């Protein structure tokens, strides 16, 4: 959220949030200058390397790369599940170039 310095506690900059400690949902989607992937909701469990491959890389990133072509460069947020050997092997086998 962008706001002027010193305005963090103004009423228009405060949002109430409900917390649900027994439930969490993660979402993933890909964006670029002139397109985006569909939103993928990751519910029920922890995102591990193999789940990341099965639910994100193969069904979404691989197809998005195919649509973009050879200039496609993949960038992730460096989460632990993105750094597993299985994920790196998958990206290499699919020929997906990653931003370092």
PDB file of N, CA and C in Angstrom:
ATOM      1  N   UNK A   1       0.851  -1.174   0.000  1.00  0.00           N
ATOM      2  CA  UNK A   1       0.000   0.000   0.000  1.00  0.00           C
ATOM      3  C   UNK A   1       0.894   1.233   0.000  1.00  0.00           C
ATOM      4  N   UNK A   2       0.626   2.149  -0.880  1.00  0.00           N
ATOM      5  CA  UNK A   2       1.399   3.386  -0.962  1.00  0.00           C
ATOM      6  C   UNK A   2       0.623   4.501  -0.273  1.00  0.00           C
ATOM      7  N   UNK A   3       1.324   5.231   0.561  1.00  0.00           N
ATOM      8  CA  UNK A   3       0.714   6.377   1.238  1.00  0.00           C
ATOM      9  C   UNK A   3       1.819   7.373   1.588  1.00  0.00           C
ATOM     10  N   UNK A   4       1.409   8.580   1.903  1.00  0.00           N
ATOM     11  CA  UNK A   4       2.374   9.611   2.277  1.00  0.00           C
ATOM     12  C   UNK A   4       3.013   9.273   3.614  1.00  0.00           C
ATOM     13  N   UNK A   5       4.261   9.654   3.766  1.00  0.00           N
ATOM     14  CA  UNK A   5       4.987   9.432   5.013  1.00  0.00           C
ATOM     15  C   UNK A   5       4.242  10.092   6.166  1.00  0.00           C
ATOM     16  N   UNK A   6       4.135   9.368   7.274  1.00  0.00           N
ATOM     17  CA  UNK A   6       3.487   9.913   8.465  1.00  0.00           C
ATOM     18  C   UNK A   6       1.977   9.788   8.482  1.00  0.00           C
ATOM     19  N   UNK A   7       1.379   9.093   7.524  1.00  0.00           N
ATOM     20  CA  UNK A   7      -0.080   8.992   7.471  1.00  0.00           C
ATOM     21  C   UNK A   7      -0.598   7.587   7.773  1.00  0.00           C
ATOM     22  N   UNK A   8       0.247   6.734   8.329  1.00  0.00           N
ATOM     23  CA  UNK A   8      -0.120   5.326   8.534  1.00  0.00           C
ATOM     24  C   UNK A   8      -1.368   5.149   9.394  1.00  0.00           C
ATOM     25  N   UNK A   9      -1.588   6.021  10.375  1.00  0.00           N
ATOM     26  CA  UNK A   9      -2.687   5.816  11.302  1.00  0.00           C
ATOM     27  C   UNK A   9      -3.913   6.672  10.996  1.00  0.00           C
ATOM     28  N   UNK A  10      -3.954   7.281   9.855  1.00  0.00           N
ATOM     29  CA  UNK A  10      -5.172   7.988   9.456  1.00  0.00           C
ATOM     30  C   UNK A  10      -6.267   6.958   9.181  1.00  0.00           C
ATOM     31  N   UNK A  11      -7.521   7.282   9.497  1.00  0.00           N
ATOM     32  CA  UNK A  11      -8.607   6.308   9.321  1.00  0.00           C
ATOM     33  C   UNK A  11      -8.707   5.735   7.908  1.00  0.00           C
ATOM     34  N   UNK A  12      -8.452   6.527   6.905  1.00  0.00           N
ATOM     35  CA  UNK A  12      -8.564   6.024   5.524  1.00  0.00           C
ATOM     36  C   UNK A  12      -7.455   5.031   5.170  1.00  0.00           C
ATOM     37  N   UNK A  13      -6.420   4.944   6.009  1.00  0.00           N
ATOM     38  CA  UNK A  13      -5.322   4.016   5.750  1.00  0.00           C
ATOM     39  C   UNK A  13      -5.353   2.782   6.652  1.00  0.00           C
ATOM     40  N   UNK A  14      -6.411   2.610   7.411  1.00  0.00           N
ATOM     41  CA  UNK A  14      -6.518   1.478   8.323  1.00  0.00           C
ATOM     42  C   UNK A  14      -7.604   0.543   7.806  1.00  0.00           C
ATOM     43  N   UNK A  15      -7.271  -0.740   7.721  1.00  0.00           N
ATOM     44  CA  UNK A  15      -8.237  -1.746   7.293  1.00  0.00           C
ATOM     45  C   UNK A  15      -8.370  -2.805   8.381  1.00  0.00           C
ATOM     46  N   UNK A  16      -9.597  -3.136   8.727  1.00  0.00           N
ATOM     47  CA  UNK A  16      -9.834  -4.194   9.692  1.00  0.00           C
ATOM     48  C   UNK A  16      -9.652  -5.538   8.999  1.00  0.00           C
ATOM     49  N   UNK A  17      -9.005  -6.468   9.683  1.00  0.00           N
ATOM     50  CA  UNK A  17      -8.791  -7.802   9.129  1.00  0.00           C
ATOM     51  C   UNK A  17      -9.298  -8.838  10.108  1.00  0.00           C
ATOM     52  N   UNK A  18      -9.990  -9.843   9.584  1.00  0.00           N
ATOM     53  CA  UNK A  18     -10.414 -10.973  10.392  1.00  0.00           C
ATOM     54  C   UNK A  18      -9.325 -12.039  10.319  1.00  0.00           C
ATOM     55  N   UNK A  19      -9.023 -12.638  11.426  1.00  0.00           N
ATOM     56  CA  UNK A  19      -8.000 -13.686  11.486  1.00  0.00           C
ATOM     57  C   UNK A  19      -8.678 -15.026  11.754  1.00  0.00           C
ATOM     58  N   UNK A  20      -8.291 -16.019  10.992  1.00  0.00           N
ATOM     59  CA  UNK A  20      -8.800 -17.368  11.156  1.00  0.00           C
ATOM     60  C   UNK A  20      -7.613 -18.296  11.364  1.00  0.00           C
ATOM     61  N   UNK A  21      -7.215 -18.535  12.611  1.00  0.00           N
ATOM     62  CA  UNK A  21      -5.985 -19.279  12.878  1.00  0.00           C
ATOM     63  C   UNK A  21      -6.005 -20.733  12.424  1.00  0.00           C
ATOM     64  N   UNK A  22      -7.166 -21.304  12.166  1.00  0.00           N
ATOM     65  CA  UNK A  22      -7.222 -22.710  11.771  1.00  0.00           C
ATOM     66  C   UNK A  22      -7.274 -22.887  10.258  1.00  0.00           C
ATOM     67  N   UNK A  23      -7.190 -21.820   9.508  1.00  0.00           N
ATOM     68  CA  UNK A  23      -7.339 -21.924   8.063  1.00  0.00           C
ATOM     69  C   UNK A  23      -6.378 -20.957   7.377  1.00  0.00           C
ATOM     70  N   UNK A  24      -5.806 -21.416   6.281  1.00  0.00           N
ATOM     71  CA  UNK A  24      -4.996 -20.500   5.476  1.00  0.00           C
ATOM     72  C   UNK A  24      -5.195 -20.840   4.011  1.00  0.00           C
ATOM     73  N   UNK A  25      -5.133 -19.838   3.203  1.00  0.00           N
ATOM     74  CA  UNK A  25      -5.261 -20.015   1.758  1.00  0.00           C
ATOM     75  C   UNK A  25      -4.154 -19.215   1.100  1.00  0.00           C
ATOM     76  N   UNK A  26      -3.491 -19.842   0.157  1.00  0.00           N
ATOM     77  CA  UNK A  26      -2.499 -19.144  -0.648  1.00  0.00           C
ATOM     78  C   UNK A  26      -3.037 -19.062  -2.067  1.00  0.00           C
ATOM     79  N   UNK A  27      -2.650 -18.035  -2.767  1.00  0.00           N
ATOM     80  CA  UNK A  27      -3.025 -17.922  -4.171  1.00  0.00           C
ATOM     81  C   UNK A  27      -1.773 -17.707  -5.007  1.00  0.00           C
ATOM     82  N   UNK A  28      -1.843 -18.123  -6.266  1.00  0.00           N
ATOM     83  CA  UNK A  28      -0.724 -17.957  -7.185  1.00  0.00           C
ATOM     84  C   UNK A  28      -1.299 -17.529  -8.524  1.00  0.00           C
ATOM     85  N   UNK A  29      -0.599 -16.599  -9.193  1.00  0.00           N
ATOM     86  CA  UNK A  29      -0.915 -16.299 -10.574  1.00  0.00           C
ATOM     87  C   UNK A  29       0.306 -15.676 -11.217  1.00  0.00           C
ATOM     88  N   UNK A  30       0.352 -15.743 -12.531  1.00  0.00           N
ATOM     89  CA  UNK A  30       1.467 -15.175 -13.278  1.00  0.00           C
ATOM     90  C   UNK A  30       1.017 -13.929 -14.009  1.00  0.00           C
ATOM     91  N   UNK A  31       1.895 -12.931 -14.065  1.00  0.00           N
ATOM     92  CA  UNK A  31       1.573 -11.695 -14.768  1.00  0.00           C
ATOM     93  C   UNK A  31       2.718 -11.300 -15.693  1.00  0.00           C
ATOM     94  N   UNK A  32       2.384 -10.550 -16.709  1.00  0.00           N
ATOM     95  CA  UNK A  32       3.368  -9.956 -17.598  1.00  0.00           C
ATOM     96  C   UNK A  32       2.753  -8.706 -18.189  1.00  0.00           C
ATOM     97  N   UNK A  33       3.469  -8.047 -19.057  1.00  0.00           N
ATOM     98  CA  UNK A  33       3.009  -6.765 -19.581  1.00  0.00           C
ATOM     99  C   UNK A  33       1.640  -6.862 -20.249  1.00  0.00           C
ATOM    100  N   UNK A  34       1.414  -7.885 -21.058  1.00  0.00           N
ATOM    101  CA  UNK A  34       0.145  -7.930 -21.793  1.00  0.00           C
ATOM    102  C   UNK A  34      -0.647  -9.203 -21.541  1.00  0.00           C
ATOM    103  N   UNK A  35      -0.516  -9.792 -20.360  1.00  0.00           N
ATOM    104  CA  UNK A  35      -1.289 -10.991 -20.087  1.00  0.00           C
ATOM    105  C   UNK A  35      -1.134 -11.466 -18.657  1.00  0.00           C
ATOM    106  N   UNK A  36      -1.869 -12.514 -18.343  1.00  0.00           N
ATOM    107  CA  UNK A  36      -1.797 -13.098 -17.012  1.00  0.00           C
ATOM    108  C   UNK A  36      -2.352 -14.513 -17.078  1.00  0.00           C
ATOM    109  N   UNK A  37      -2.004 -15.302 -16.065  1.00  0.00           N
ATOM    110  CA  UNK A  37      -2.582 -16.626 -15.939  1.00  0.00           C
ATOM    111  C   UNK A  37      -3.852 -16.529 -15.111  1.00  0.00           C
ATOM    112  N   UNK A  38      -4.547 -17.616 -15.025  1.00  0.00           N
ATOM    113  CA  UNK A  38      -5.688 -17.676 -14.118  1.00  0.00           C
ATOM    114  C   UNK A  38      -5.180 -17.739 -12.687  1.00  0.00           C
ATOM    115  N   UNK A  39      -5.998 -17.287 -11.770  1.00  0.00           N
ATOM    116  CA  UNK A  39      -5.687 -17.351 -10.352  1.00  0.00           C
ATOM    117  C   UNK A  39      -5.810 -18.796  -9.889  1.00  0.00           C
ATOM    118  N   UNK A  40      -4.794 -19.286  -9.188  1.00  0.00           N
ATOM    119  CA  UNK A  40      -4.821 -20.648  -8.646  1.00  0.00           C
ATOM    120  C   UNK A  40      -4.859 -20.553  -7.125  1.00  0.00           C
ATOM    121  N   UNK A  41      -5.883 -21.138  -6.521  1.00  0.00           N
ATOM    122  CA  UNK A  41      -6.024 -21.136  -5.071  1.00  0.00           C
ATOM    123  C   UNK A  41      -5.416 -22.418  -4.523  1.00  0.00           C
ATOM    124  N   UNK A  42      -4.503 -22.269  -3.587  1.00  0.00           N
ATOM    125  CA  UNK A  42      -3.843 -23.398  -2.935  1.00  0.00           C
ATOM    126  C   UNK A  42      -4.411 -23.476  -1.527  1.00  0.00           C
ATOM    127  N   UNK A  43      -5.242 -24.454  -1.287  1.00  0.00           N
ATOM    128  CA  UNK A  43      -5.874 -24.595   0.025  1.00  0.00           C
ATOM    129  C   UNK A  43      -5.510 -25.948   0.627  1.00  0.00           C
ATOM    130  N   UNK A  44      -5.759 -26.082   1.892  1.00  0.00           N
ATOM    131  CA  UNK A  44      -5.608 -27.361   2.589  1.00  0.00           C
ATOM    132  C   UNK A  44      -4.195 -27.912   2.544  1.00  0.00           C
ATOM    133  N   UNK A  45      -3.343 -27.340   3.322  1.00  0.00           N
ATOM    134  CA  UNK A  45      -2.016 -27.909   3.452  1.00  0.00           C
ATOM    135  C   UNK A  45      -0.907 -26.931   3.129  1.00  0.00           C
ATOM    136  N   UNK A  46       0.298 -27.437   3.222  1.00  0.00           N
ATOM    137  CA  UNK A  46       1.491 -26.640   3.021  1.00  0.00           C
ATOM    138  C   UNK A  46       1.999 -26.811   1.597  1.00  0.00           C
ATOM    139  N   UNK A  47       2.498 -25.756   1.034  1.00  0.00           N
ATOM    140  CA  UNK A  47       3.077 -25.818  -0.303  1.00  0.00           C
ATOM    141  C   UNK A  47       4.503 -26.354  -0.179  1.00  0.00           C
ATOM    142  N   UNK A  48       4.708 -27.542  -0.693  1.00  0.00           N
ATOM    143  CA  UNK A  48       6.026 -28.159  -0.725  1.00  0.00           C
ATOM    144  C   UNK A  48       6.477 -28.231  -2.184  1.00  0.00           C
ATOM    145  N   UNK A  49       7.722 -28.611  -2.402  1.00  0.00           N
ATOM    146  CA  UNK A  49       8.273 -28.623  -3.748  1.00  0.00           C
ATOM    147  C   UNK A  49       7.461 -29.420  -4.745  1.00  0.00           C
ATOM    148  N   UNK A  50       7.097 -30.663  -4.402  1.00  0.00           N
ATOM    149  CA  UNK A  50       6.355 -31.493  -5.365  1.00  0.00           C
ATOM    150  C   UNK A  50       4.958 -30.948  -5.609  1.00  0.00           C
ATOM    151  N   UNK A  51       4.340 -30.432  -4.584  1.00  0.00           N
ATOM    152  CA  UNK A  51       3.005 -29.837  -4.769  1.00  0.00           C
ATOM    153  C   UNK A  51       3.098 -28.599  -5.662  1.00  0.00           C
ATOM    154  N   UNK A  52       4.156 -27.814  -5.496  1.00  0.00           N
ATOM    155  CA  UNK A  52       4.390 -26.642  -6.345  1.00  0.00           C
ATOM    156  C   UNK A  52       4.534 -27.072  -7.813  1.00  0.00           C
ATOM    157  N   UNK A  53       5.250 -28.152  -8.042  1.00  0.00           N
ATOM    158  CA  UNK A  53       5.404 -28.680  -9.402  1.00  0.00           C
ATOM    159  C   UNK A  53       4.046 -29.111  -9.958  1.00  0.00           C
ATOM    160  N   UNK A  54       3.320 -29.922  -9.180  1.00  0.00           N
ATOM    161  CA  UNK A  54       2.064 -30.513  -9.647  1.00  0.00           C
ATOM    162  C   UNK A  54       0.931 -29.505  -9.817  1.00  0.00           C
ATOM    163  N   UNK A  55       0.880 -28.497  -8.939  1.00  0.00           N
ATOM    164  CA  UNK A  55      -0.261 -27.579  -8.955  1.00  0.00           C
ATOM    165  C   UNK A  55       0.025 -26.239  -9.618  1.00  0.00           C
ATOM    166  N   UNK A  56       1.302 -25.881  -9.763  1.00  0.00           N
ATOM    167  CA  UNK A  56       1.622 -24.568 -10.321  1.00  0.00           C
ATOM    168  C   UNK A  56       2.478 -24.674 -11.576  1.00  0.00           C
ATOM    169  N   UNK A  57       3.645 -25.291 -11.458  1.00  0.00           N
ATOM    170  CA  UNK A  57       4.576 -25.288 -12.587  1.00  0.00           C
ATOM    171  C   UNK A  57       4.029 -25.998 -13.821  1.00  0.00           C
ATOM    172  N   UNK A  58       3.594 -27.232 -13.659  1.00  0.00           N
ATOM    173  CA  UNK A  58       3.161 -27.992 -14.833  1.00  0.00           C
ATOM    174  C   UNK A  58       1.841 -27.493 -15.429  1.00  0.00           C
ATOM    175  N   UNK A  59       0.804 -27.283 -14.621  1.00  0.00           N
ATOM    176  CA  UNK A  59      -0.446 -26.851 -15.241  1.00  0.00           C
ATOM    177  C   UNK A  59      -0.506 -25.378 -15.632  1.00  0.00           C
ATOM    178  N   UNK A  60       0.288 -24.515 -15.002  1.00  0.00           N
ATOM    179  CA  UNK A  60       0.175 -23.088 -15.274  1.00  0.00           C
ATOM    180  C   UNK A  60       1.409 -22.508 -15.963  1.00  0.00           C
ATOM    181  N   UNK A  61       2.564 -22.651 -15.323  1.00  0.00           N
ATOM    182  CA  UNK A  61       3.779 -22.017 -15.849  1.00  0.00           C
ATOM    183  C   UNK A  61       4.159 -22.613 -17.202  1.00  0.00           C
ATOM    184  N   UNK A  62       4.099 -23.926 -17.324  1.00  0.00           N
ATOM    185  CA  UNK A  62       4.453 -24.565 -18.590  1.00  0.00           C
ATOM    186  C   UNK A  62       3.553 -24.070 -19.725  1.00  0.00           C
ATOM    187  N   UNK A  63       2.262 -23.975 -19.482  1.00  0.00           N
ATOM    188  CA  UNK A  63       1.339 -23.501 -20.521  1.00  0.00           C
ATOM    189  C   UNK A  63       1.562 -22.027 -20.843  1.00  0.00           C
ATOM    190  N   UNK A  64       1.789 -21.223 -19.807  1.00  0.00           N
ATOM    191  CA  UNK A  64       2.033 -19.800 -20.011  1.00  0.00           C
ATOM    192  C   UNK A  64       3.305 -19.590 -20.822  1.00  0.00           C
ATOM    193  N   UNK A  65       4.350 -20.374 -20.520  1.00  0.00           N
ATOM    194  CA  UNK A  65       5.595 -20.304 -21.277  1.00  0.00           C
ATOM    195  C   UNK A  65       5.339 -20.657 -22.737  1.00  0.00           C
ATOM    196  N   UNK A  66       4.552 -21.694 -22.972  1.00  0.00           N
ATOM    197  CA  UNK A  66       4.227 -22.088 -24.340  1.00  0.00           C
ATOM    198  C   UNK A  66       3.514 -20.992 -25.107  1.00  0.00           C
ATOM    199  N   UNK A  67       2.662 -20.255 -24.424  1.00  0.00           N
ATOM    200  CA  UNK A  67       1.930 -19.170 -25.082  1.00  0.00           C
ATOM    201  C   UNK A  67       2.827 -17.974 -25.365  1.00  0.00           C
ATOM    202  N   UNK A  68       3.800 -17.722 -24.491  1.00  0.00           N
ATOM    203  CA  UNK A  68       4.685 -16.562 -24.645  1.00  0.00           C
ATOM    204  C   UNK A  68       5.789 -16.841 -25.654  1.00  0.00           C
ATOM    205  N   UNK A  69       6.382 -18.025 -25.578  1.00  0.00           N
ATOM    206  CA  UNK A  69       7.442 -18.378 -26.514  1.00  0.00           C
ATOM    207  C   UNK A  69       8.826 -18.308 -25.903  1.00  0.00           C
ATOM    208  N   UNK A  70       9.836 -18.241 -26.763  1.00  0.00           N
ATOM    209  CA  UNK A  70      11.237 -18.340 -26.336  1.00  0.00           C
ATOM    210  C   UNK A  70      11.714 -17.196 -25.456  1.00  0.00           C
ATOM    211  N   UNK A  71      11.046 -16.059 -25.470  1.00  0.00           N
ATOM    212  CA  UNK A  71      11.486 -14.920 -24.659  1.00  0.00           C
ATOM    213  C   UNK A  71      10.969 -14.980 -23.222  1.00  0.00           C
ATOM    214  N   UNK A  72      10.249 -16.045 -22.898  1.00  0.00           N
ATOM    215  CA  UNK A  72       9.679 -16.203 -21.557  1.00  0.00           C
ATOM    216  C   UNK A  72      10.791 -16.376 -20.527  1.00  0.00           C
ATOM    217  N   UNK A  73      10.732 -15.605 -19.453  1.00  0.00           N
ATOM    218  CA  UNK A  73      11.641 -15.743 -18.316  1.00  0.00           C
ATOM    219  C   UNK A  73      10.770 -15.811 -17.070  1.00  0.00           C
ATOM    220  N   UNK A  74      10.973 -16.860 -16.285  1.00  0.00           N
ATOM    221  CA  UNK A  74      10.162 -17.094 -15.096  1.00  0.00           C
ATOM    222  C   UNK A  74      10.822 -16.478 -13.871  1.00  0.00           C
ATOM    223  N   UNK A  75      10.032 -15.790 -13.052  1.00  0.00           N
ATOM    224  CA  UNK A  75      10.528 -15.207 -11.816  1.00  0.00           C
ATOM    225  C   UNK A  75       9.605 -15.634 -10.681  1.00  0.00           C
ATOM    226  N   UNK A  76      10.188 -16.107  -9.600  1.00  0.00           N
ATOM    227  CA  UNK A  76       9.382 -16.450  -8.434  1.00  0.00           C
ATOM    228  C   UNK A  76       9.823 -15.590  -7.253  1.00  0.00           C
ATOM    229  N   UNK A  77       9.208 -15.824  -6.102  1.00  0.00           N
ATOM    230  CA  UNK A  77       9.510 -14.980  -4.943  1.00  0.00           C
ATOM    231  C   UNK A  77      10.525 -15.603  -3.993  1.00  0.00           C
ATOM    232  N   UNK A  78      11.232 -16.645  -4.460  1.00  0.00           N
ATOM    233  CA  UNK A  78      12.321 -17.251  -3.700  1.00  0.00           C
ATOM    234  C   UNK A  78      11.847 -17.967  -2.433  1.00  0.00           C
ATOM    235  N   UNK A  79      10.601 -18.404  -2.419  1.00  0.00           N
ATOM    236  CA  UNK A  79      10.101 -19.173  -1.277  1.00  0.00           C
ATOM    237  C   UNK A  79      10.838 -20.501  -1.197  1.00  0.00           C
ATOM    238  N   UNK A  80      10.875 -21.090  -0.032  1.00  0.00           N
ATOM    239  CA  UNK A  80      11.607 -22.335   0.182  1.00  0.00           C
ATOM    240  C   UNK A  80      11.160 -23.434  -0.775  1.00  0.00           C
ATOM    241  N   UNK A  81       9.857 -23.556  -1.002  1.00  0.00           N
ATOM    242  CA  UNK A  81       9.367 -24.614  -1.895  1.00  0.00           C
ATOM    243  C   UNK A  81       9.811 -24.400  -3.341  1.00  0.00           C
ATOM    244  N   UNK A  82      10.188 -23.193  -3.709  1.00  0.00           N
ATOM    245  CA  UNK A  82      10.663 -22.913  -5.067  1.00  0.00           C
ATOM    246  C   UNK A  82      12.117 -23.317  -5.263  1.00  0.00           C
ATOM    247  N   UNK A  83      12.829 -23.585  -4.198  1.00  0.00           N
ATOM    248  CA  UNK A  83      14.268 -23.839  -4.254  1.00  0.00           C
ATOM    249  C   UNK A  83      14.633 -25.311  -4.149  1.00  0.00           C
ATOM    250  N   UNK A  84      13.665 -26.208  -4.149  1.00  0.00           N
ATOM    251  CA  UNK A  84      13.995 -27.628  -4.017  1.00  0.00           C
ATOM    252  C   UNK A  84      14.649 -28.142  -5.291  1.00  0.00           C
ATOM    253  N   UNK A  85      15.405 -29.227  -5.149  1.00  0.00           N
ATOM    254  CA  UNK A  85      16.043 -29.844  -6.314  1.00  0.00           C
ATOM    255  C   UNK A  85      15.006 -30.339  -7.311  1.00  0.00           C
ATOM    256  N   UNK A  86      13.901 -30.872  -6.812  1.00  0.00           N
ATOM    257  CA  UNK A  86      12.843 -31.358  -7.703  1.00  0.00           C
ATOM    258  C   UNK A  86      12.290 -30.223  -8.563  1.00  0.00           C
ATOM    259  N   UNK A  87      12.093 -29.052  -7.968  1.00  0.00           N
ATOM    260  CA  UNK A  87      11.599 -27.892  -8.724  1.00  0.00           C
ATOM    261  C   UNK A  87      12.632 -27.465  -9.760  1.00  0.00           C
ATOM    262  N   UNK A  88      13.889 -27.388  -9.358  1.00  0.00           N
ATOM    263  CA  UNK A  88      14.939 -26.990 -10.305  1.00  0.00           C
ATOM    264  C   UNK A  88      15.048 -27.989 -11.451  1.00  0.00           C
ATOM    265  N   UNK A  89      14.946 -29.293 -11.143  1.00  0.00           N
ATOM    266  CA  UNK A  89      14.973 -30.320 -12.189  1.00  0.00           C
ATOM    267  C   UNK A  89      13.784 -30.180 -13.131  1.00  0.00           C
ATOM    268  N   UNK A  90      12.623 -29.892 -12.587  1.00  0.00           N
ATOM    269  CA  UNK A  90      11.421 -29.707 -13.412  1.00  0.00           C
ATOM    270  C   UNK A  90      11.590 -28.513 -14.345  1.00  0.00           C
ATOM    271  N   UNK A  91      12.051 -27.391 -13.805  1.00  0.00           N
ATOM    272  CA  UNK A  91      12.253 -26.198 -14.635  1.00  0.00           C
ATOM    273  C   UNK A  91      13.271 -26.471 -15.736  1.00  0.00           C
ATOM    274  N   UNK A  92      14.345 -27.160 -15.407  1.00  0.00           N
ATOM    275  CA  UNK A  92      15.356 -27.498 -16.401  1.00  0.00           C
ATOM    276  C   UNK A  92      14.801 -28.422 -17.469  1.00  0.00           C
ATOM    277  N   UNK A  93      14.066 -29.452 -17.053  1.00  0.00           N
ATOM    278  CA  UNK A  93      13.526 -30.412 -18.022  1.00  0.00           C
ATOM    279  C   UNK A  93      12.482 -29.782 -18.936  1.00  0.00           C
ATOM    280  N   UNK A  94      11.791 -28.764 -18.458  1.00  0.00           N
ATOM    281  CA  UNK A  94      10.793 -28.069 -19.276  1.00  0.00           C
ATOM    282  C   UNK A  94      11.408 -26.943 -20.097  1.00  0.00           C
ATOM    283  N   UNK A  95      12.702 -26.677 -19.872  1.00  0.00           N
ATOM    284  CA  UNK A  95      13.376 -25.600 -20.608  1.00  0.00           C
ATOM    285  C   UNK A  95      12.901 -24.217 -20.205  1.00  0.00           C
ATOM    286  N   UNK A  96      12.503 -24.075 -18.959  1.00  0.00           N
ATOM    287  CA  UNK A  96      12.003 -22.791 -18.460  1.00  0.00           C
ATOM    288  C   UNK A  96      13.179 -22.001 -17.891  1.00  0.00           C
ATOM    289  N   UNK A  97      13.465 -20.871 -18.523  1.00  0.00           N
ATOM    290  CA  UNK A  97      14.545 -20.006 -18.067  1.00  0.00           C
ATOM    291  C   UNK A  97      14.079 -19.195 -16.875  1.00  0.00           C
ATOM    292  N   UNK A  98      14.896 -19.145 -15.820  1.00  0.00           N
ATOM    293  CA  UNK A  98      14.518 -18.434 -14.599  1.00  0.00           C
ATOM    294  C   UNK A  98      15.373 -17.197 -14.412  1.00  0.00           C
ATOM    295  N   UNK A  99      14.761 -16.173 -13.868  1.00  0.00           N
ATOM    296  CA  UNK A  99      15.477 -14.978 -13.470  1.00  0.00           C
ATOM    297  C   UNK A  99      16.236 -15.298 -12.193  1.00  0.00           C
ATOM    298  N   UNK A 100      17.527 -14.998 -12.160  1.00  0.00           N
ATOM    299  CA  UNK A 100      18.334 -15.336 -10.997  1.00  0.00           C
ATOM    300  C   UNK A 100      18.017 -14.406  -9.850  1.00  0.00           C
TER     301      UNK A 100
END
